[in-house]
Each structure stands twice: as C-alpha cells, then as structure tokens.
N, C-alpha and C. Protein backbone atom coordinates (compact mmCIF):
# COMPACT_ATOMS: atom_id res chain seq x y z
N MET A 1 97.97 80.62 126.94
CA MET A 1 97.28 81.59 126.14
C MET A 1 98.25 82.45 125.34
N PHE A 2 99.46 82.63 125.80
CA PHE A 2 100.47 83.43 125.11
C PHE A 2 101.60 82.56 124.60
N CYS A 3 102.39 83.20 123.74
CA CYS A 3 103.63 82.53 123.35
C CYS A 3 104.72 82.80 124.37
N ARG A 4 104.55 83.83 125.23
CA ARG A 4 105.51 84.09 126.31
C ARG A 4 104.91 85.07 127.31
N GLN A 5 105.58 85.24 128.44
CA GLN A 5 105.13 86.14 129.49
C GLN A 5 105.31 87.59 129.06
N ILE A 6 104.53 88.47 129.63
CA ILE A 6 104.68 89.90 129.38
C ILE A 6 105.84 90.42 130.20
N LYS A 7 106.71 91.15 129.56
CA LYS A 7 107.82 91.80 130.25
C LYS A 7 107.39 93.25 130.48
N TRP A 8 106.81 93.52 131.65
CA TRP A 8 106.23 94.83 131.93
C TRP A 8 107.15 96.00 131.61
N PRO A 9 108.34 96.08 132.19
CA PRO A 9 109.14 97.27 131.92
C PRO A 9 109.46 97.45 130.45
N LEU A 10 109.75 96.37 129.74
CA LEU A 10 110.08 96.50 128.32
C LEU A 10 108.88 96.90 127.50
N VAL A 11 107.72 96.31 127.76
CA VAL A 11 106.52 96.67 127.02
C VAL A 11 106.16 98.13 127.28
N LEU A 12 106.19 98.55 128.53
CA LEU A 12 105.83 99.92 128.86
C LEU A 12 106.86 100.90 128.31
N LEU A 13 108.13 100.58 128.41
CA LEU A 13 109.15 101.45 127.86
C LEU A 13 108.98 101.55 126.35
N GLY A 14 108.73 100.42 125.71
CA GLY A 14 108.49 100.44 124.27
C GLY A 14 107.29 101.29 123.92
N ALA A 15 106.24 101.16 124.70
CA ALA A 15 105.05 101.97 124.43
C ALA A 15 105.33 103.45 124.62
N LEU A 16 106.14 103.78 125.60
CA LEU A 16 106.46 105.18 125.81
C LEU A 16 107.30 105.74 124.67
N LEU A 17 108.01 104.88 124.00
CA LEU A 17 108.80 105.32 122.86
C LEU A 17 107.90 105.79 121.72
N THR A 18 106.64 105.41 121.76
CA THR A 18 105.72 105.84 120.71
C THR A 18 105.45 107.32 120.75
N CYS A 19 105.99 107.96 121.69
CA CYS A 19 105.77 109.40 121.81
C CYS A 19 106.71 110.16 120.89
N GLY A 20 107.22 109.49 119.89
CA GLY A 20 108.06 110.15 118.93
C GLY A 20 109.51 110.21 119.34
N CYS A 21 109.96 109.28 120.13
CA CYS A 21 111.32 109.32 120.62
C CYS A 21 112.18 108.30 119.91
N ALA A 22 113.47 108.57 119.88
CA ALA A 22 114.44 107.66 119.27
C ALA A 22 115.63 107.53 120.19
N SER A 23 116.50 106.57 119.88
CA SER A 23 117.68 106.36 120.70
C SER A 23 118.64 107.52 120.58
N SER A 24 119.26 107.87 121.68
CA SER A 24 120.19 108.99 121.68
C SER A 24 121.64 108.52 121.56
N GLN A 25 121.84 107.29 121.24
CA GLN A 25 123.17 106.71 121.22
C GLN A 25 124.16 107.51 120.37
N ASP A 26 123.78 107.83 119.12
CA ASP A 26 124.69 108.53 118.22
C ASP A 26 124.21 109.94 117.90
N ALA A 27 123.28 110.46 118.66
CA ALA A 27 122.69 111.75 118.34
C ALA A 27 123.57 112.90 118.81
N GLN A 28 123.41 114.03 118.11
CA GLN A 28 124.08 115.26 118.48
C GLN A 28 123.31 115.91 119.63
N PRO A 29 123.94 116.79 120.40
CA PRO A 29 123.21 117.47 121.46
C PRO A 29 122.12 118.36 120.86
N ALA A 30 121.07 118.59 121.64
CA ALA A 30 119.96 119.41 121.17
C ALA A 30 120.42 120.85 120.97
N PRO A 31 119.94 121.49 119.90
CA PRO A 31 120.30 122.89 119.70
C PRO A 31 119.67 123.76 120.79
N LYS A 32 120.30 124.90 121.03
CA LYS A 32 119.81 125.77 122.09
C LYS A 32 118.43 126.34 121.79
N GLU A 33 118.04 126.40 120.49
CA GLU A 33 116.74 126.93 120.12
C GLU A 33 115.60 126.01 120.55
N GLN A 34 115.89 124.73 120.83
CA GLN A 34 114.85 123.75 121.12
C GLN A 34 114.79 123.45 122.61
N PRO A 35 113.74 123.92 123.30
CA PRO A 35 113.60 123.56 124.71
C PRO A 35 113.13 122.13 124.85
N ALA A 36 113.39 121.55 126.01
CA ALA A 36 112.96 120.18 126.27
C ALA A 36 111.44 120.12 126.30
N VAL A 37 110.88 119.00 125.82
CA VAL A 37 109.44 118.79 125.82
C VAL A 37 109.09 117.96 127.04
N LYS A 38 108.08 118.38 127.76
CA LYS A 38 107.67 117.69 128.98
C LYS A 38 106.53 116.73 128.69
N SER A 39 106.41 115.70 129.50
CA SER A 39 105.36 114.71 129.36
C SER A 39 104.42 114.72 130.55
N SER A 40 103.15 114.44 130.26
CA SER A 40 102.18 114.37 131.36
C SER A 40 102.14 112.99 131.98
N ALA A 41 102.43 111.95 131.25
CA ALA A 41 102.54 110.56 131.70
C ALA A 41 101.61 110.19 132.84
N THR A 42 100.33 110.36 132.64
CA THR A 42 99.34 109.93 133.62
C THR A 42 98.67 108.70 133.07
N ILE A 43 99.07 107.55 133.56
CA ILE A 43 98.67 106.29 132.98
C ILE A 43 98.02 105.42 134.03
N SER A 44 96.99 104.70 133.64
CA SER A 44 96.31 103.75 134.51
C SER A 44 95.86 102.59 133.66
N PRO A 45 95.31 101.52 134.07
CA PRO A 45 94.80 101.25 135.38
C PRO A 45 95.79 100.50 136.25
N MET A 46 96.98 100.21 135.78
CA MET A 46 97.94 99.50 136.61
C MET A 46 98.30 100.38 137.80
N PRO A 47 98.60 99.76 138.94
CA PRO A 47 98.98 100.55 140.11
C PRO A 47 100.17 101.43 139.77
N ARG A 48 100.18 102.62 140.32
CA ARG A 48 101.28 103.55 140.09
C ARG A 48 102.53 102.99 140.74
N ASN A 49 103.62 103.15 140.06
CA ASN A 49 104.91 102.75 140.57
C ASN A 49 105.80 103.97 140.40
N GLU A 50 106.03 104.69 141.49
CA GLU A 50 106.76 105.96 141.44
C GLU A 50 108.16 105.78 140.82
N ALA A 51 108.84 104.71 141.18
CA ALA A 51 110.19 104.48 140.63
C ALA A 51 110.13 104.24 139.13
N LEU A 52 109.17 103.43 138.68
CA LEU A 52 109.01 103.18 137.25
C LEU A 52 108.62 104.46 136.52
N ASP A 53 107.71 105.23 137.10
CA ASP A 53 107.30 106.49 136.48
C ASP A 53 108.48 107.44 136.33
N ALA A 54 109.32 107.55 137.36
CA ALA A 54 110.49 108.42 137.29
C ALA A 54 111.48 107.93 136.23
N TYR A 55 111.66 106.60 136.17
CA TYR A 55 112.55 106.02 135.16
C TYR A 55 112.02 106.29 133.77
N VAL A 56 110.73 106.11 133.58
CA VAL A 56 110.11 106.32 132.27
C VAL A 56 110.25 107.79 131.86
N LYS A 57 110.02 108.71 132.79
CA LYS A 57 110.15 110.13 132.46
C LYS A 57 111.59 110.44 132.06
N SER A 58 112.55 109.90 132.79
CA SER A 58 113.95 110.11 132.46
C SER A 58 114.30 109.56 131.08
N MET A 59 113.81 108.34 130.82
CA MET A 59 114.07 107.72 129.50
C MET A 59 113.41 108.53 128.39
N ARG A 60 112.20 108.98 128.62
CA ARG A 60 111.47 109.76 127.61
C ARG A 60 112.23 111.04 127.30
N ASP A 61 112.70 111.74 128.32
CA ASP A 61 113.46 112.96 128.11
C ASP A 61 114.75 112.68 127.34
N ASP A 62 115.47 111.63 127.74
CA ASP A 62 116.72 111.28 127.07
C ASP A 62 116.48 110.89 125.62
N LEU A 63 115.46 110.09 125.39
CA LEU A 63 115.16 109.65 124.03
C LEU A 63 114.69 110.81 123.16
N SER A 64 113.96 111.73 123.74
CA SER A 64 113.52 112.90 122.99
C SER A 64 114.71 113.75 122.57
N ARG A 65 115.66 113.94 123.48
CA ARG A 65 116.88 114.67 123.12
C ARG A 65 117.62 113.96 122.00
N GLY A 66 117.61 112.64 122.02
CA GLY A 66 118.26 111.88 120.96
C GLY A 66 117.62 112.11 119.61
N LYS A 67 116.31 112.17 119.58
CA LYS A 67 115.62 112.40 118.31
C LYS A 67 115.89 113.81 117.81
N VAL A 68 115.96 114.77 118.71
CA VAL A 68 116.32 116.13 118.32
C VAL A 68 117.70 116.12 117.65
N GLY A 69 118.61 115.33 118.20
CA GLY A 69 119.94 115.21 117.59
C GLY A 69 119.90 114.63 116.19
N ILE A 70 119.05 113.63 115.98
CA ILE A 70 118.91 113.04 114.65
C ILE A 70 118.36 114.08 113.67
N ILE A 71 117.33 114.79 114.10
CA ILE A 71 116.75 115.82 113.25
C ILE A 71 117.79 116.88 112.91
N THR A 72 118.54 117.31 113.91
CA THR A 72 119.58 118.32 113.70
C THR A 72 120.60 117.85 112.68
N GLU A 73 121.03 116.60 112.82
CA GLU A 73 122.04 116.06 111.90
C GLU A 73 121.51 115.89 110.48
N VAL A 74 120.30 115.39 110.35
CA VAL A 74 119.76 115.11 109.02
C VAL A 74 119.30 116.38 108.32
N MET A 75 118.56 117.24 109.02
CA MET A 75 117.97 118.40 108.37
C MET A 75 118.95 119.57 108.23
N GLN A 76 119.94 119.65 109.09
CA GLN A 76 120.95 120.71 109.03
C GLN A 76 120.30 122.08 108.81
N LEU A 77 119.45 122.45 109.72
CA LEU A 77 118.73 123.72 109.63
C LEU A 77 119.67 124.90 109.87
N ASN A 78 119.50 125.96 109.07
CA ASN A 78 120.24 127.17 109.38
C ASN A 78 119.52 127.89 110.52
N SER A 79 120.08 128.97 111.05
CA SER A 79 119.52 129.60 112.24
C SER A 79 118.11 130.15 111.99
N GLU A 80 117.84 130.68 110.81
CA GLU A 80 116.49 131.18 110.52
C GLU A 80 115.48 130.04 110.43
N GLU A 81 115.87 128.93 109.81
CA GLU A 81 114.98 127.76 109.72
C GLU A 81 114.74 127.17 111.11
N ALA A 82 115.77 127.14 111.92
CA ALA A 82 115.65 126.58 113.27
C ALA A 82 114.64 127.38 114.10
N LYS A 83 114.62 128.70 113.94
CA LYS A 83 113.68 129.54 114.68
C LYS A 83 112.23 129.23 114.30
N VAL A 84 112.02 128.79 113.08
CA VAL A 84 110.68 128.43 112.62
C VAL A 84 110.37 126.98 113.00
N PHE A 85 111.31 126.09 112.76
CA PHE A 85 111.06 124.65 112.91
C PHE A 85 110.87 124.21 114.35
N TRP A 86 111.78 124.59 115.26
CA TRP A 86 111.77 124.01 116.60
C TRP A 86 110.50 124.30 117.41
N PRO A 87 109.92 125.49 117.34
CA PRO A 87 108.63 125.66 118.04
C PRO A 87 107.52 124.77 117.46
N ILE A 88 107.51 124.59 116.15
CA ILE A 88 106.54 123.70 115.53
C ILE A 88 106.79 122.27 116.01
N TYR A 89 108.05 121.87 116.01
CA TYR A 89 108.40 120.52 116.45
C TYR A 89 108.02 120.29 117.91
N GLN A 90 108.24 121.29 118.77
CA GLN A 90 107.90 121.14 120.18
C GLN A 90 106.40 120.90 120.34
N ASP A 91 105.59 121.61 119.59
CA ASP A 91 104.14 121.40 119.64
C ASP A 91 103.79 119.99 119.17
N TYR A 92 104.43 119.55 118.10
CA TYR A 92 104.20 118.20 117.58
C TYR A 92 104.57 117.15 118.63
N GLU A 93 105.73 117.30 119.20
CA GLU A 93 106.22 116.32 120.18
C GLU A 93 105.31 116.27 121.41
N SER A 94 104.81 117.42 121.84
CA SER A 94 103.87 117.45 122.97
C SER A 94 102.61 116.67 122.65
N GLU A 95 102.08 116.86 121.45
CA GLU A 95 100.88 116.12 121.05
C GLU A 95 101.18 114.62 120.92
N MET A 96 102.37 114.27 120.44
CA MET A 96 102.75 112.85 120.35
C MET A 96 102.85 112.24 121.74
N PHE A 97 103.36 112.99 122.71
CA PHE A 97 103.43 112.48 124.09
C PHE A 97 102.04 112.17 124.61
N GLU A 98 101.11 113.07 124.40
CA GLU A 98 99.73 112.84 124.85
C GLU A 98 99.15 111.59 124.18
N LEU A 99 99.35 111.48 122.89
CA LEU A 99 98.85 110.33 122.15
C LEU A 99 99.52 109.04 122.63
N GLY A 100 100.81 109.10 122.87
CA GLY A 100 101.55 107.94 123.38
C GLY A 100 101.06 107.50 124.74
N ASP A 101 100.65 108.46 125.57
CA ASP A 101 100.12 108.11 126.89
C ASP A 101 98.87 107.25 126.75
N HIS A 102 98.05 107.54 125.77
CA HIS A 102 96.84 106.74 125.53
C HIS A 102 97.21 105.33 125.08
N ARG A 103 98.25 105.22 124.28
CA ARG A 103 98.71 103.90 123.84
C ARG A 103 99.20 103.08 125.02
N VAL A 104 99.95 103.72 125.90
CA VAL A 104 100.45 103.03 127.10
C VAL A 104 99.28 102.54 127.94
N GLN A 105 98.28 103.37 128.10
CA GLN A 105 97.12 102.99 128.88
C GLN A 105 96.44 101.75 128.28
N ALA A 106 96.29 101.70 126.97
CA ALA A 106 95.68 100.54 126.33
C ALA A 106 96.54 99.29 126.51
N ILE A 107 97.85 99.44 126.41
CA ILE A 107 98.75 98.30 126.60
C ILE A 107 98.67 97.80 128.03
N ARG A 108 98.65 98.72 128.98
CA ARG A 108 98.52 98.31 130.39
C ARG A 108 97.19 97.57 130.62
N GLN A 109 96.12 98.07 130.01
CA GLN A 109 94.82 97.43 130.19
C GLN A 109 94.84 96.02 129.59
N PHE A 110 95.42 95.88 128.41
CA PHE A 110 95.53 94.57 127.77
C PHE A 110 96.32 93.61 128.67
N ALA A 111 97.46 94.06 129.16
CA ALA A 111 98.30 93.21 130.00
C ALA A 111 97.58 92.84 131.30
N THR A 112 96.87 93.79 131.88
CA THR A 112 96.10 93.51 133.10
C THR A 112 95.02 92.48 132.81
N ASP A 113 94.29 92.65 131.72
CA ASP A 113 93.23 91.70 131.36
C ASP A 113 93.80 90.30 131.15
N ILE A 114 94.95 90.21 130.50
CA ILE A 114 95.57 88.91 130.27
C ILE A 114 96.02 88.31 131.60
N HIS A 115 96.69 89.11 132.39
CA HIS A 115 97.21 88.63 133.68
C HIS A 115 96.07 88.14 134.58
N ASP A 116 94.97 88.87 134.57
CA ASP A 116 93.83 88.52 135.43
C ASP A 116 92.83 87.59 134.75
N HIS A 117 93.18 87.10 133.57
CA HIS A 117 92.31 86.21 132.78
C HIS A 117 90.94 86.84 132.53
N ARG A 118 90.94 88.12 132.14
CA ARG A 118 89.69 88.84 131.90
C ARG A 118 89.55 89.33 130.47
N LEU A 119 90.34 88.82 129.54
CA LEU A 119 90.25 89.29 128.16
C LEU A 119 89.06 88.63 127.48
N THR A 120 87.94 89.30 127.52
CA THR A 120 86.72 88.80 126.90
C THR A 120 86.68 89.25 125.44
N ASP A 121 85.73 88.70 124.69
CA ASP A 121 85.54 89.15 123.31
C ASP A 121 85.27 90.65 123.26
N SER A 122 84.43 91.10 124.16
CA SER A 122 84.06 92.51 124.22
C SER A 122 85.29 93.39 124.50
N GLU A 123 86.08 93.00 125.48
CA GLU A 123 87.27 93.77 125.85
C GLU A 123 88.31 93.72 124.73
N ALA A 124 88.49 92.58 124.10
CA ALA A 124 89.43 92.47 122.98
C ALA A 124 89.00 93.39 121.84
N GLY A 125 87.70 93.44 121.56
CA GLY A 125 87.20 94.34 120.52
C GLY A 125 87.42 95.80 120.87
N ARG A 126 87.19 96.15 122.12
CA ARG A 126 87.38 97.53 122.57
C ARG A 126 88.85 97.93 122.46
N LEU A 127 89.74 97.05 122.90
CA LEU A 127 91.18 97.35 122.82
C LEU A 127 91.66 97.43 121.37
N ALA A 128 91.12 96.59 120.51
CA ALA A 128 91.48 96.66 119.08
C ALA A 128 91.04 98.01 118.51
N ASN A 129 89.84 98.45 118.88
CA ASN A 129 89.36 99.75 118.41
C ASN A 129 90.23 100.88 118.92
N GLU A 130 90.73 100.77 120.15
CA GLU A 130 91.65 101.78 120.68
C GLU A 130 92.95 101.82 119.86
N TYR A 131 93.42 100.64 119.47
CA TYR A 131 94.63 100.57 118.64
C TYR A 131 94.38 101.26 117.29
N PHE A 132 93.27 100.94 116.64
CA PHE A 132 92.95 101.56 115.35
C PHE A 132 92.81 103.07 115.49
N ASP A 133 92.18 103.51 116.57
CA ASP A 133 92.01 104.94 116.83
C ASP A 133 93.38 105.60 117.02
N TYR A 134 94.27 104.95 117.78
CA TYR A 134 95.62 105.48 117.99
C TYR A 134 96.34 105.64 116.66
N GLU A 135 96.32 104.61 115.84
CA GLU A 135 97.03 104.67 114.55
C GLU A 135 96.47 105.77 113.65
N ALA A 136 95.15 105.92 113.62
CA ALA A 136 94.53 106.96 112.80
C ALA A 136 94.93 108.35 113.31
N LYS A 137 94.93 108.54 114.64
CA LYS A 137 95.30 109.83 115.21
C LYS A 137 96.78 110.13 114.98
N ARG A 138 97.61 109.11 115.07
CA ARG A 138 99.05 109.32 114.83
C ARG A 138 99.29 109.76 113.40
N LEU A 139 98.64 109.13 112.45
CA LEU A 139 98.79 109.51 111.04
C LEU A 139 98.23 110.91 110.80
N GLU A 140 97.08 111.21 111.38
CA GLU A 140 96.48 112.54 111.22
C GLU A 140 97.41 113.61 111.79
N LEU A 141 98.01 113.34 112.93
CA LEU A 141 98.93 114.29 113.54
C LEU A 141 100.14 114.52 112.64
N LEU A 142 100.72 113.46 112.12
CA LEU A 142 101.88 113.60 111.23
C LEU A 142 101.50 114.37 109.97
N LYS A 143 100.35 114.07 109.39
CA LYS A 143 99.90 114.79 108.19
C LYS A 143 99.70 116.28 108.48
N ARG A 144 99.10 116.58 109.63
CA ARG A 144 98.85 117.98 109.99
C ARG A 144 100.16 118.75 110.13
N TYR A 145 101.15 118.16 110.82
CA TYR A 145 102.42 118.85 111.00
C TYR A 145 103.25 118.87 109.73
N HIS A 146 103.10 117.87 108.89
CA HIS A 146 103.74 117.90 107.57
C HIS A 146 103.23 119.12 106.80
N GLY A 147 101.91 119.32 106.82
CA GLY A 147 101.33 120.47 106.14
C GLY A 147 101.80 121.79 106.71
N LEU A 148 101.89 121.87 108.02
CA LEU A 148 102.33 123.10 108.68
C LEU A 148 103.78 123.42 108.34
N ILE A 149 104.65 122.42 108.40
CA ILE A 149 106.06 122.63 108.07
C ILE A 149 106.22 122.98 106.59
N SER A 150 105.43 122.33 105.76
CA SER A 150 105.45 122.62 104.32
C SER A 150 105.08 124.08 104.08
N GLU A 151 104.05 124.55 104.77
CA GLU A 151 103.57 125.93 104.62
C GLU A 151 104.55 126.94 105.18
N LYS A 152 105.08 126.69 106.37
CA LYS A 152 105.95 127.66 107.06
C LYS A 152 107.40 127.63 106.58
N MET A 153 107.82 126.46 106.04
CA MET A 153 109.21 126.32 105.62
C MET A 153 109.28 125.96 104.14
N SER A 154 109.11 124.68 103.85
CA SER A 154 109.08 124.23 102.45
C SER A 154 108.61 122.78 102.40
N PRO A 155 108.10 122.34 101.24
CA PRO A 155 107.72 120.93 101.11
C PRO A 155 108.90 119.97 101.31
N VAL A 156 110.10 120.39 100.95
CA VAL A 156 111.27 119.53 101.14
C VAL A 156 111.55 119.36 102.64
N ARG A 157 111.50 120.44 103.41
CA ARG A 157 111.71 120.34 104.86
C ARG A 157 110.63 119.48 105.50
N ALA A 158 109.39 119.63 105.02
CA ALA A 158 108.29 118.82 105.54
C ALA A 158 108.51 117.35 105.22
N ALA A 159 109.02 117.06 104.03
CA ALA A 159 109.29 115.67 103.65
C ALA A 159 110.41 115.09 104.51
N GLN A 160 111.45 115.87 104.80
CA GLN A 160 112.53 115.40 105.66
C GLN A 160 111.98 115.06 107.05
N PHE A 161 111.20 115.96 107.60
CA PHE A 161 110.60 115.73 108.91
C PHE A 161 109.75 114.46 108.89
N THR A 162 108.92 114.32 107.90
CA THR A 162 108.04 113.15 107.80
C THR A 162 108.84 111.87 107.67
N GLN A 163 109.89 111.89 106.87
CA GLN A 163 110.72 110.70 106.70
C GLN A 163 111.39 110.30 108.02
N ILE A 164 111.90 111.27 108.76
CA ILE A 164 112.53 110.97 110.04
C ILE A 164 111.49 110.39 111.01
N GLU A 165 110.33 111.02 111.09
CA GLU A 165 109.27 110.52 111.97
C GLU A 165 108.84 109.10 111.59
N HIS A 166 108.73 108.84 110.30
CA HIS A 166 108.34 107.50 109.85
C HIS A 166 109.39 106.46 110.26
N ARG A 167 110.64 106.77 110.04
CA ARG A 167 111.71 105.82 110.40
C ARG A 167 111.75 105.56 111.90
N VAL A 168 111.69 106.62 112.67
CA VAL A 168 111.72 106.47 114.12
C VAL A 168 110.49 105.70 114.59
N GLY A 169 109.32 106.06 114.06
CA GLY A 169 108.09 105.37 114.42
C GLY A 169 108.12 103.89 114.09
N THR A 170 108.71 103.56 112.95
CA THR A 170 108.82 102.15 112.54
C THR A 170 109.70 101.38 113.52
N ILE A 171 110.80 101.97 113.93
CA ILE A 171 111.69 101.32 114.89
C ILE A 171 110.99 101.13 116.22
N VAL A 172 110.29 102.15 116.67
CA VAL A 172 109.57 102.07 117.94
C VAL A 172 108.50 100.99 117.87
N ASP A 173 107.74 100.97 116.78
CA ASP A 173 106.70 99.95 116.62
C ASP A 173 107.31 98.54 116.61
N LEU A 174 108.46 98.38 116.00
CA LEU A 174 109.14 97.08 115.99
C LEU A 174 109.57 96.68 117.40
N LEU A 175 110.08 97.64 118.17
CA LEU A 175 110.46 97.35 119.56
C LEU A 175 109.26 96.89 120.37
N ILE A 176 108.15 97.58 120.21
CA ILE A 176 106.94 97.20 120.94
C ILE A 176 106.46 95.83 120.49
N ALA A 177 106.39 95.62 119.19
CA ALA A 177 105.91 94.34 118.65
C ALA A 177 106.79 93.18 119.11
N SER A 178 108.08 93.41 119.21
CA SER A 178 108.98 92.31 119.61
C SER A 178 108.80 91.91 121.07
N GLU A 179 108.26 92.80 121.89
CA GLU A 179 108.06 92.51 123.31
C GLU A 179 106.61 92.20 123.66
N PHE A 180 105.70 92.52 122.77
CA PHE A 180 104.28 92.35 123.05
C PHE A 180 103.87 90.92 122.73
N PRO A 181 103.23 90.24 123.66
CA PRO A 181 102.88 88.84 123.44
C PRO A 181 101.75 88.68 122.42
N LEU A 182 101.85 87.61 121.65
CA LEU A 182 100.77 87.25 120.74
C LEU A 182 99.83 86.30 121.48
N LEU A 183 98.56 86.44 121.23
CA LEU A 183 97.58 85.51 121.79
C LEU A 183 97.67 84.21 121.00
N ALA A 184 97.63 83.11 121.69
CA ALA A 184 97.72 81.81 121.03
C ALA A 184 96.44 81.02 121.27
N GLY A 185 96.06 80.21 120.31
CA GLY A 185 94.91 79.33 120.47
C GLY A 185 93.61 80.04 120.27
N ALA A 186 92.56 79.27 120.12
CA ALA A 186 91.22 79.80 119.91
C ALA A 186 90.59 80.13 121.26
N PRO A 187 89.73 81.16 121.29
CA PRO A 187 89.04 81.48 122.56
C PRO A 187 88.12 80.36 122.98
N LYS A 188 87.91 80.26 124.28
CA LYS A 188 87.05 79.21 124.82
C LYS A 188 85.63 79.64 124.86
C-alpha cells in the first residue's frame, strides 16, 4: 500500500518542526529579551511514550532557540525594536506550537490507520480535511501576526518576519514530506 514503511520518530519529529522551529546549527544564541516558549505537546491516539515525548520537547526547545537565532541575525533588531518584537513573537510561537500539536495528532492518526489497515474512504477524507484546516489556520496565523508586527513596528519588519517564517516553514514541510509515505495503488 505504501512506497515505504513509516519511520515514526522521523515523521513525528518532522511534524513537531511545524511549530515554527528551525535548525539551530548556525544560529546565534537567543537574546535575553526573548524567554523560551513552552509547548503543551499533548498528542494522541498513539500510546504515550515518555522517552519520545521528552526527546521531542527537548528538540522543540532547541529548534525554537535556533529559529530565534536566525531571526536575530537576519532582522538585527535594536533594543527598542526587540522590546516590541519578542513578546509578539512569543505569542506567535505559542500559537504555532498549539497548531503543530494538531498536525502531529493527524499524522499519528494517519499512521495508526495505515498500520492497522483501517484507512477507509471516510477516514482518508476526514484526515485530508484536517490537513486543509491546518494549512488555512497556519496561513491565517501568519497573516494576523504580519499585520500586528506591521502595525506595532513597520511593514518592512513584518515582511522580514513573514519571509523568515515562510522559509523555515518550507524547509519543515519538505522534511515532513520526505519522510511521509505516499499511498500507492487504487483502493480496494
């Protein structure tokens, strides 16, 4: 039914990256004005795995710090701009984490359905609708925060933020797509 097996940790890690996180490999340390953003990471229906949950939380925190470093390097905010930007960004990132948790839940449900041979037409349609809903909410969230940053700072700062989010989001989506199995063949 697939072109390959599901790699659970990679798919889930990739899905968690949808929370607006990027690699911290070359990022600068987070500025002191920006507190760490916490995640609720309450995901089902797969059985809870405490070790995986702890690893995911650690990765999410590390990746979030990395994205803060990218923003710091690209936007080069002065201290007055940083006082305005970072609280707005923290609110945005918190909402992205919540939205990302819903994406993870849908991916887990899809993988469970495939593993248990329960992917019916009805379930496939429901999961597709969840994907469309996620994408619409992600775009609405980005547009809302673009407007807020534009209003509180400037349209140029809002454009910088949006461009960084788009690039990071594209990379994250590519990581997920590269690990997510494609369905093969016609349904029976």
